[in-house]
């Protein structure tokens, strides 16, 4: 179990942006014998073989074709998301005043902004470079601490411990990058830094999508090292568990699919998000490759099952009033089945029972979660995929603390439990 948790931390530390996450997954799949497919090319797929396809650089779907026809077994699908709440750099990010270069950022999703202060921050993402044939996209990641968001001293914010830290998103979030070099425009100074890392000229940088991340590596913590802490546990922990389970599925009877989407934290409405056509397109092309007509595909979908894997809220003993009294989810006590009567989660009685059966077959404990009725409940990709595909679905996740903080915590045992139950899913 420690080995799986250590592998998770390495995966997260190598993946500080959605584009890096997909690249890390892709390299792992290639090492496991998966073959790459391209949406712009014709597909030829064979029973028993494994494949993957990337869309937009930040979403990836991998699958292994089962030994049995999907009309007999249906599809076994697990989904998660590659993005996490963060700060994203604006297109014209750098500006100088008072002798300093600052970096303008935009809030992506719903991060706990106060947790970004006084951290060793850097940037990672993708950059488009002008070439003789147009442009190409390259990944960039700065391992050293490049930026910082210093807190205002308590002497100038006397009520910070009573009222909490509140940051104006426009004026108080720009990050300090460095001293403004004499005679050099701030934007050029910043672009030259990126260009040097990519070994190109600054004038050849066309555009970029850069994500702010914490350079501190993931760690084990606790009296017996039973917990882990890192950035992006929501939801790279679910991505890692899903891919680990899929690559362990050797010669499955059912066709097994892992779908990792971008843009969940901002509503999934994009070509690479769960609301887009990506998963539907892949299922259709699998069906076509297996020579299933439309009726046969619909018969297969009717026998399919979808698990939406996203992290869950663990009970925090310092804040008991934030939780539903009979739904205290505990760290290291097993996967969480998430239920909401208003369909913020896709779980129903039958799909919950099916997941419980999978947990029992894997020897894994499980827990039930419902949000306080007087608090707004978050959502995830479960309802979106279930409605798009028309398949029964359950929303589950590993319990964690400090969701959407730049530094989140979870349990060592829970990650292994999730891998085990997803392995059981792909065997079912």
Protein backbone atom coordinates (compact mmCIF):
# COMPACT_ATOMS: atom_id res chain seq x y z
CA UNK A 1 0.00 0.00 0.00
CA UNK A 2 2.89 2.37 0.73
CA UNK A 3 4.28 1.56 -2.72
CA UNK A 4 1.03 2.55 -4.40
CA UNK A 5 0.82 5.78 -2.39
CA UNK A 6 4.46 6.59 -3.19
CA UNK A 7 3.75 6.00 -6.87
CA UNK A 8 0.77 8.35 -6.60
CA UNK A 9 2.91 11.13 -5.11
CA UNK A 10 5.48 10.69 -7.89
CA UNK A 11 2.69 10.87 -10.47
CA UNK A 12 1.32 14.10 -8.98
CA UNK A 13 4.74 15.71 -8.66
CA UNK A 14 5.43 14.97 -12.33
CA UNK A 15 2.03 16.39 -13.36
CA UNK A 16 1.62 20.02 -12.23
CA UNK A 17 -0.79 20.81 -15.07
CA UNK A 18 -3.52 18.87 -16.92
CA UNK A 19 -1.25 18.67 -19.96
CA UNK A 20 1.54 17.17 -17.89
CA UNK A 21 -0.91 14.75 -16.27
CA UNK A 22 -1.98 13.42 -19.66
CA UNK A 23 1.63 13.21 -20.81
CA UNK A 24 2.55 11.22 -17.68
CA UNK A 25 -0.41 8.86 -18.22
CA UNK A 26 0.49 8.48 -21.89
CA UNK A 27 4.06 7.45 -21.12
CA UNK A 28 2.82 4.88 -18.60
CA UNK A 29 0.34 3.45 -21.09
CA UNK A 30 3.01 3.12 -23.78
CA UNK A 31 5.24 1.30 -21.29
CA UNK A 32 2.35 -1.08 -20.63
CA UNK A 33 1.92 -1.91 -24.32
CA UNK A 34 -1.01 0.37 -25.17
CA UNK A 35 -1.15 1.59 -28.76
CA UNK A 36 -1.86 5.19 -29.65
CA UNK A 37 -4.81 6.07 -31.86
CA UNK A 38 -5.48 9.44 -33.49
CA UNK A 39 -8.94 10.90 -33.98
CA UNK A 40 -8.02 12.14 -37.46
CA UNK A 41 -7.03 8.66 -38.66
CA UNK A 42 -8.93 5.45 -39.35
CA UNK A 43 -9.02 3.01 -36.45
CA UNK A 44 -8.37 -0.71 -36.60
CA UNK A 45 -8.93 -2.35 -33.24
CA UNK A 46 -8.68 -6.00 -32.24
CA UNK A 47 -10.19 -7.92 -29.32
CA UNK A 48 -7.74 -8.28 -26.46
CA UNK A 49 -5.61 -5.28 -27.46
CA UNK A 50 -5.22 -2.00 -25.59
CA UNK A 51 -5.33 1.52 -27.00
CA UNK A 52 -5.49 5.19 -26.04
CA UNK A 53 -6.38 8.49 -27.69
CA UNK A 54 -5.65 12.07 -26.57
CA UNK A 55 -7.84 15.10 -27.26
CA UNK A 56 -6.64 18.65 -26.77
CA UNK A 57 -3.57 17.58 -24.83
CA UNK A 58 -5.40 17.53 -21.48
CA UNK A 59 -7.93 14.69 -21.90
CA UNK A 60 -7.17 11.04 -22.57
CA UNK A 61 -9.26 7.90 -23.01
CA UNK A 62 -7.64 4.47 -22.77
CA UNK A 63 -9.33 1.12 -23.30
CA UNK A 64 -8.75 -2.60 -23.47
CA UNK A 65 -11.06 -4.60 -25.71
CA UNK A 66 -12.59 -7.57 -23.93
CA UNK A 67 -12.55 -11.15 -25.10
CA UNK A 68 -16.36 -11.17 -25.22
CA UNK A 69 -18.63 -9.12 -27.41
CA UNK A 70 -19.92 -5.97 -25.68
CA UNK A 71 -23.48 -7.07 -26.44
CA UNK A 72 -22.86 -9.85 -23.91
CA UNK A 73 -20.97 -7.93 -21.24
CA UNK A 74 -21.46 -4.21 -21.90
CA UNK A 75 -18.70 -1.68 -21.28
CA UNK A 76 -16.96 -1.14 -17.94
CA UNK A 77 -16.16 2.58 -17.77
CA UNK A 78 -14.39 4.63 -15.10
CA UNK A 79 -14.02 8.40 -15.40
CA UNK A 80 -12.03 11.05 -13.56
CA UNK A 81 -10.66 14.52 -14.32
CA UNK A 82 -7.17 15.84 -14.94
CA UNK A 83 -7.67 19.46 -13.89
CA UNK A 84 -7.52 20.96 -10.41
CA UNK A 85 -8.47 24.39 -9.00
CA UNK A 86 -5.57 26.76 -9.49
CA UNK A 87 -4.35 30.10 -10.74
CA UNK A 88 -3.79 30.46 -14.49
CA UNK A 89 -1.61 33.10 -16.10
CA UNK A 90 -3.31 35.71 -18.27
CA UNK A 91 -2.15 35.98 -21.92
CA UNK A 92 -0.27 39.25 -21.29
CA UNK A 93 0.78 38.19 -17.83
CA UNK A 94 3.79 40.26 -16.82
CA UNK A 95 3.83 43.91 -15.86
CA UNK A 96 6.29 46.07 -13.96
CA UNK A 97 5.92 48.76 -11.34
CA UNK A 98 7.76 49.79 -8.18
CA UNK A 99 10.85 48.01 -9.49
CA UNK A 100 9.19 44.58 -9.53
CA UNK A 101 7.78 42.31 -12.21
CA UNK A 102 4.42 40.86 -11.24
CA UNK A 103 2.43 38.15 -12.98
CA UNK A 104 -1.28 38.61 -13.56
CA UNK A 105 -3.37 35.52 -12.90
CA UNK A 106 -6.95 34.39 -13.29
CA UNK A 107 -8.73 32.12 -10.84
CA UNK A 108 -9.43 28.68 -12.35
CA UNK A 109 -12.24 26.80 -10.63
CA UNK A 110 -12.70 27.20 -6.89
CA UNK A 111 -9.32 27.11 -5.11
CA UNK A 112 -8.88 28.17 -1.48
CA UNK A 113 -6.99 31.32 -2.41
CA UNK A 114 -5.47 31.94 1.00
CA UNK A 115 -3.50 28.69 0.71
CA UNK A 116 -1.50 30.12 -2.21
CA UNK A 117 0.13 32.73 0.00
CA UNK A 118 3.68 32.29 1.26
CA UNK A 119 4.24 29.17 -0.85
CA UNK A 120 7.13 28.33 -3.19
CA UNK A 121 5.24 28.71 -6.45
CA UNK A 122 6.18 28.00 -10.02
CA UNK A 123 4.46 27.53 -13.39
CA UNK A 124 3.88 24.64 -15.76
CA UNK A 125 1.78 24.06 -18.83
CA UNK A 126 2.00 24.27 -22.59
CA UNK A 127 3.52 26.82 -24.93
CA UNK A 128 2.93 27.19 -28.67
CA UNK A 129 6.08 27.96 -30.66
CA UNK A 130 6.29 29.41 -34.17
CA UNK A 131 7.94 27.01 -36.62
CA UNK A 132 8.69 26.97 -40.34
CA UNK A 133 5.51 24.93 -40.85
CA UNK A 134 3.22 26.93 -38.59
CA UNK A 135 3.46 26.18 -34.88
CA UNK A 136 4.00 23.32 -32.44
CA UNK A 137 3.09 22.82 -28.80
CA UNK A 138 5.64 22.05 -26.11
CA UNK A 139 5.33 21.35 -22.41
CA UNK A 140 7.22 23.47 -19.94
CA UNK A 141 7.73 23.00 -16.20
CA UNK A 142 9.93 25.03 -13.86
CA UNK A 143 10.95 22.95 -10.85
CA UNK A 144 12.47 25.87 -8.95
CA UNK A 145 10.41 28.39 -7.02
CA UNK A 146 9.79 31.21 -9.52
CA UNK A 147 7.02 33.23 -7.91
CA UNK A 148 5.47 34.08 -4.60
CA UNK A 149 2.36 35.67 -3.13
CA UNK A 150 3.59 37.20 0.15
CA UNK A 151 1.03 37.78 2.86
CA UNK A 152 0.39 41.26 4.18
CA UNK A 153 1.96 41.61 7.63
CA UNK A 154 -0.46 41.27 10.54
CA UNK A 155 0.51 44.80 11.59
CA UNK A 156 -1.38 46.02 8.51
CA UNK A 157 -4.20 43.47 8.68
CA UNK A 158 -5.00 43.19 12.36
CA UNK A 159 -8.26 41.26 11.86
CA UNK A 160 -6.82 38.49 9.69
CA UNK A 161 -6.99 35.90 12.49
CA UNK A 162 -10.55 36.85 13.39
CA UNK A 163 -12.10 37.35 9.96
CA UNK A 164 -9.81 35.23 7.79
CA UNK A 165 -7.69 36.18 4.81
CA UNK A 166 -9.75 37.67 1.98
CA UNK A 167 -7.92 38.46 -1.26
CA UNK A 168 -9.24 40.68 -4.04
CA UNK A 169 -8.98 38.49 -7.13
CA UNK A 170 -7.92 41.34 -9.41
CA UNK A 171 -5.62 43.49 -7.30
CA UNK A 172 -4.20 41.21 -4.61
CA UNK A 173 -3.45 37.98 -6.49
CA UNK A 174 -0.67 39.06 -8.90
CA UNK A 175 2.47 37.07 -8.10
CA UNK A 176 5.91 38.57 -7.58
CA UNK A 177 8.24 37.22 -10.27
CA UNK A 178 11.41 39.24 -9.78
CA UNK A 179 13.10 42.60 -9.95
CA UNK A 180 12.46 44.61 -13.07
CA UNK A 181 15.67 44.69 -15.12
CA UNK A 182 16.63 48.18 -16.20
CA UNK A 183 15.55 48.95 -19.75
CA UNK A 184 13.74 45.61 -20.23
CA UNK A 185 9.98 45.46 -20.53
CA UNK A 186 8.39 43.19 -17.94
CA UNK A 187 6.61 41.06 -20.54
CA UNK A 188 9.81 40.48 -22.49
CA UNK A 189 11.67 39.64 -19.29
CA UNK A 190 9.13 36.95 -18.48
CA UNK A 191 8.93 35.56 -22.02
CA UNK A 192 12.72 35.34 -22.23
CA UNK A 193 12.64 33.15 -19.13
CA UNK A 194 10.23 30.73 -20.82
CA UNK A 195 12.12 30.89 -24.10
CA UNK A 196 15.39 29.98 -22.39
CA UNK A 197 13.78 26.90 -20.83
CA UNK A 198 12.47 25.79 -24.25
CA UNK A 199 15.70 26.79 -26.07
CA UNK A 200 13.86 29.07 -28.48
CA UNK A 201 13.73 32.80 -29.15
CA UNK A 202 11.20 34.85 -27.18
CA UNK A 203 9.84 36.27 -30.45
CA UNK A 204 8.83 32.74 -31.49
CA UNK A 205 6.50 32.24 -28.52
CA UNK A 206 2.97 32.65 -29.86
CA UNK A 207 0.73 31.71 -26.92
CA UNK A 208 0.77 29.78 -23.68
CA UNK A 209 -1.48 28.16 -21.08
CA UNK A 210 0.38 28.13 -17.79
CA UNK A 211 -0.75 26.80 -14.45
CA UNK A 212 0.59 27.97 -11.07
CA UNK A 213 1.69 25.11 -8.80
CA UNK A 214 3.40 24.49 -5.48
CA UNK A 215 6.96 23.18 -5.86
CA UNK A 216 6.86 21.32 -2.54
CA UNK A 217 6.86 17.57 -3.19
CA UNK A 218 4.30 15.16 -1.83
CA UNK A 219 5.01 13.56 1.55
CA UNK A 220 3.82 10.91 3.96
CA UNK A 221 2.80 12.26 7.34
CA UNK A 222 1.20 11.19 10.64
CA UNK A 223 2.40 9.26 13.68
CA UNK A 224 2.69 6.11 11.56
CA UNK A 225 3.01 7.83 8.17
CA UNK A 226 -0.56 6.80 7.44
CA UNK A 227 -1.49 9.98 5.58
CA UNK A 228 -0.26 11.69 2.42
CA UNK A 229 -0.14 15.38 1.52
CA UNK A 230 0.33 16.90 -1.92
CA UNK A 231 -1.26 19.27 -4.37
CA UNK A 232 -3.94 18.10 -6.83
CA UNK A 233 -5.05 14.99 -4.92
CA UNK A 234 -8.40 16.20 -6.24
CA UNK A 235 -8.43 14.66 -8.72
CA UNK A 236 -5.12 13.18 -9.82
CA UNK A 237 -5.47 10.53 -7.11
CA UNK A 238 -8.54 9.20 -8.95
CA UNK A 239 -6.74 9.41 -12.31
CA UNK A 240 -3.84 7.39 -10.92
CA UNK A 241 -6.11 4.78 -9.34
CA UNK A 242 -8.09 4.41 -12.57
CA UNK A 243 -5.06 4.01 -14.82
CA UNK A 244 -3.41 1.63 -12.36
CA UNK A 245 -6.53 -0.55 -12.33
CA UNK A 246 -6.91 -0.47 -16.12
CA UNK A 247 -3.32 -1.49 -16.85
CA UNK A 248 -3.70 -4.35 -14.37
CA UNK A 249 -6.74 -5.68 -16.29
CA UNK A 250 -5.19 -8.46 -18.37
CA UNK A 251 -7.42 -10.28 -20.84
CA UNK A 252 -10.73 -8.97 -19.41
CA UNK A 253 -14.05 -10.40 -20.58
CA UNK A 254 -15.59 -6.92 -20.81
CA UNK A 255 -14.30 -3.98 -22.79
CA UNK A 256 -12.76 -1.69 -20.18
CA UNK A 257 -12.54 2.08 -20.67
CA UNK A 258 -10.80 4.77 -18.65
CA UNK A 259 -11.80 8.37 -19.48
CA UNK A 260 -9.85 11.26 -17.96
CA UNK A 261 -11.36 14.66 -18.79
CA UNK A 262 -10.22 18.24 -18.55
CA UNK A 263 -12.31 21.22 -17.35
CA UNK A 264 -14.36 19.47 -14.65
CA UNK A 265 -13.54 22.25 -12.20
CA UNK A 266 -15.15 24.83 -14.49
CA UNK A 267 -18.24 22.90 -15.59
CA UNK A 268 -17.00 20.40 -18.22
CA UNK A 269 -18.45 22.43 -21.11
CA UNK A 270 -15.67 22.06 -23.68
CA UNK A 271 -14.41 19.76 -26.42
CA UNK A 272 -12.15 18.10 -23.85
CA UNK A 273 -14.64 18.13 -20.97
CA UNK A 274 -17.09 15.43 -19.94
CA UNK A 275 -19.94 17.41 -21.54
CA UNK A 276 -18.19 17.23 -24.88
CA UNK A 277 -18.39 14.41 -27.40
CA UNK A 278 -15.08 12.71 -26.57
CA UNK A 279 -16.34 9.62 -24.75
CA UNK A 280 -19.33 9.20 -27.06
CA UNK A 281 -17.02 9.43 -30.06
CA UNK A 282 -14.67 6.79 -28.67
CA UNK A 283 -17.51 4.41 -27.78
CA UNK A 284 -18.95 4.83 -31.27
CA UNK A 285 -15.61 4.11 -32.89
CA UNK A 286 -15.04 1.06 -30.68
CA UNK A 287 -18.46 -0.21 -31.70
CA UNK A 288 -17.68 0.44 -35.35
CA UNK A 289 -14.33 -1.31 -35.06
CA UNK A 290 -16.03 -4.34 -33.54
CA UNK A 291 -18.64 -4.22 -36.32
CA UNK A 292 -21.53 -3.47 -33.98
CA UNK A 293 -24.48 -1.80 -35.64
CA UNK A 294 -26.47 0.92 -33.85
CA UNK A 295 -28.85 -1.53 -32.20
CA UNK A 296 -25.98 -3.73 -30.99
CA UNK A 297 -24.21 -0.67 -29.56
CA UNK A 298 -27.34 0.35 -27.68
CA UNK A 299 -27.71 -3.19 -26.33
CA UNK A 300 -24.12 -3.01 -25.11
CA UNK A 301 -24.68 0.37 -23.43
CA UNK A 302 -27.78 -0.99 -21.70
CA UNK A 303 -25.54 -3.55 -19.96
CA UNK A 304 -22.75 -1.09 -19.17
CA UNK A 305 -21.74 0.53 -15.89
CA UNK A 306 -19.97 3.83 -15.23
CA UNK A 307 -18.00 4.76 -12.11
CA UNK A 308 -17.29 8.46 -11.68
CA UNK A 309 -14.21 8.63 -9.45
CA UNK A 310 -13.69 11.98 -7.75
CA UNK A 311 -12.48 12.75 -4.26
CA UNK A 312 -14.82 12.98 -1.24
CA UNK A 313 -15.02 15.16 1.87
CA UNK A 314 -13.50 13.49 4.93
CA UNK A 315 -14.86 14.39 8.35
CA UNK A 316 -12.82 17.14 10.02
CA UNK A 317 -13.10 16.83 13.83
CA UNK A 318 -12.32 20.53 14.33
CA UNK A 319 -15.40 21.51 12.30
CA UNK A 320 -18.20 19.06 13.20
CA UNK A 321 -20.97 21.52 12.30
CA UNK A 322 -19.95 21.38 8.61
CA UNK A 323 -21.11 17.77 8.21
CA UNK A 324 -24.31 15.79 8.01
CA UNK A 325 -24.54 14.02 11.43
CA UNK A 326 -24.95 10.45 10.14
CA UNK A 327 -22.48 10.76 7.28
CA UNK A 328 -19.07 11.27 8.86
CA UNK A 329 -16.66 9.88 6.28
CA UNK A 330 -13.33 8.88 7.82
CA UNK A 331 -9.87 8.79 6.27
CA UNK A 332 -8.41 5.31 5.71
CA UNK A 333 -11.83 3.67 6.08
CA UNK A 334 -12.54 2.98 2.43
CA UNK A 335 -14.08 4.45 -0.74
CA UNK A 336 -17.02 6.81 -0.37
CA UNK A 337 -20.34 6.45 -2.20
CA UNK A 338 -21.67 9.97 -2.80
CA UNK A 339 -25.42 10.55 -2.95
CA UNK A 340 -27.51 13.66 -3.60
CA UNK A 341 -31.29 13.67 -4.11
CA UNK A 342 -31.02 16.57 -6.57
CA UNK A 343 -28.69 14.60 -8.85
CA UNK A 344 -25.56 16.57 -8.17
CA UNK A 345 -24.20 13.04 -7.98
CA UNK A 346 -25.41 10.26 -10.29
CA UNK A 347 -25.72 7.59 -7.59
CA UNK A 348 -29.02 5.79 -7.07
CA UNK A 349 -29.97 2.81 -4.91
CA UNK A 350 -29.15 0.23 -7.58
CA UNK A 351 -25.82 1.70 -8.64
CA UNK A 352 -24.78 2.13 -5.00
CA UNK A 353 -25.63 -1.52 -4.37
CA UNK A 354 -23.59 -2.52 -7.40
CA UNK A 355 -20.57 -0.60 -6.10
CA UNK A 356 -21.01 -2.12 -2.63
CA UNK A 357 -20.95 -5.56 -4.25
CA UNK A 358 -17.69 -4.67 -6.00
CA UNK A 359 -16.20 -3.51 -2.70
CA UNK A 360 -17.23 -6.75 -1.02
CA UNK A 361 -15.72 -8.83 -3.82
CA UNK A 362 -12.43 -6.91 -3.46
CA UNK A 363 -12.43 -7.13 0.35
CA UNK A 364 -12.62 -3.35 0.61
CA UNK A 365 -14.60 -1.34 3.20
CA UNK A 366 -16.93 1.39 1.96
CA UNK A 367 -18.67 4.49 3.31
CA UNK A 368 -21.73 6.59 2.45
CA UNK A 369 -21.72 10.36 2.11
CA UNK A 370 -24.42 13.01 1.84
CA UNK A 371 -23.86 16.77 2.11
CA UNK A 372 -25.52 18.97 4.72
CA UNK A 373 -28.94 19.98 3.38
CA UNK A 374 -28.34 23.65 4.12
CA UNK A 375 -25.01 23.78 2.25
CA UNK A 376 -24.56 23.85 -1.50
CA UNK A 377 -23.36 20.49 -2.80
CA UNK A 378 -20.58 20.22 -5.36
CA UNK A 379 -20.94 18.07 -8.44
CA UNK A 380 -18.71 16.14 -10.81
CA UNK A 381 -18.75 14.24 -14.11
CA UNK A 382 -21.07 11.41 -13.03
CA UNK A 383 -24.41 13.03 -13.96
CA UNK A 384 -22.94 14.42 -17.19
CA UNK A 385 -21.58 11.14 -18.51
CA UNK A 386 -24.59 9.14 -17.31
CA UNK A 387 -26.98 11.41 -19.20
CA UNK A 388 -24.82 11.57 -22.34
CA UNK A 389 -24.28 7.81 -22.59
CA UNK A 390 -27.52 6.63 -21.00
CA UNK A 391 -25.72 4.22 -18.68
CA UNK A 392 -26.22 3.55 -14.96
CA UNK A 393 -23.64 5.44 -12.92
CA UNK A 394 -22.32 5.85 -9.40
CA UNK A 395 -20.24 8.71 -7.97
CA UNK A 396 -17.51 7.63 -5.59
CA UNK A 397 -14.21 8.94 -4.23
CA UNK A 398 -11.48 8.56 -1.66
CA UNK A 399 -11.93 10.71 1.47
CA UNK A 400 -9.66 13.71 1.84
CA UNK A 401 -9.09 16.86 3.88
CA UNK A 402 -8.65 20.42 2.59
CA UNK A 403 -10.22 19.85 -0.82
CA UNK A 404 -9.24 22.67 -3.23
CA UNK A 405 -6.36 23.80 -1.03
CA UNK A 406 -2.98 24.05 -2.69
CA UNK A 407 -1.92 21.36 -0.19
CA UNK A 408 -4.44 18.54 0.32
CA UNK A 409 -4.34 15.42 2.51
CA UNK A 410 -5.67 11.87 2.20
CA UNK A 411 -5.06 8.34 3.50
CA UNK A 412 -2.53 5.75 2.37
CA UNK A 413 -4.98 2.88 2.78
CA UNK A 414 -7.77 4.62 0.89
CA UNK A 415 -5.75 4.92 -2.30
CA UNK A 416 -5.05 1.20 -2.32
CA UNK A 417 -8.69 0.46 -1.51
CA UNK A 418 -9.80 2.52 -4.52
CA UNK A 419 -7.35 0.74 -6.83
CA UNK A 420 -8.60 -2.63 -5.58
CA UNK A 421 -12.29 -1.89 -6.17
CA UNK A 422 -11.62 -0.45 -9.64
CA UNK A 423 -9.68 -3.59 -10.50
CA UNK A 424 -12.76 -5.56 -9.42
CA UNK A 425 -14.88 -3.30 -11.67
CA UNK A 426 -12.75 -4.09 -14.73
CA UNK A 427 -12.92 -7.81 -13.95
CA UNK A 428 -16.71 -7.81 -13.59
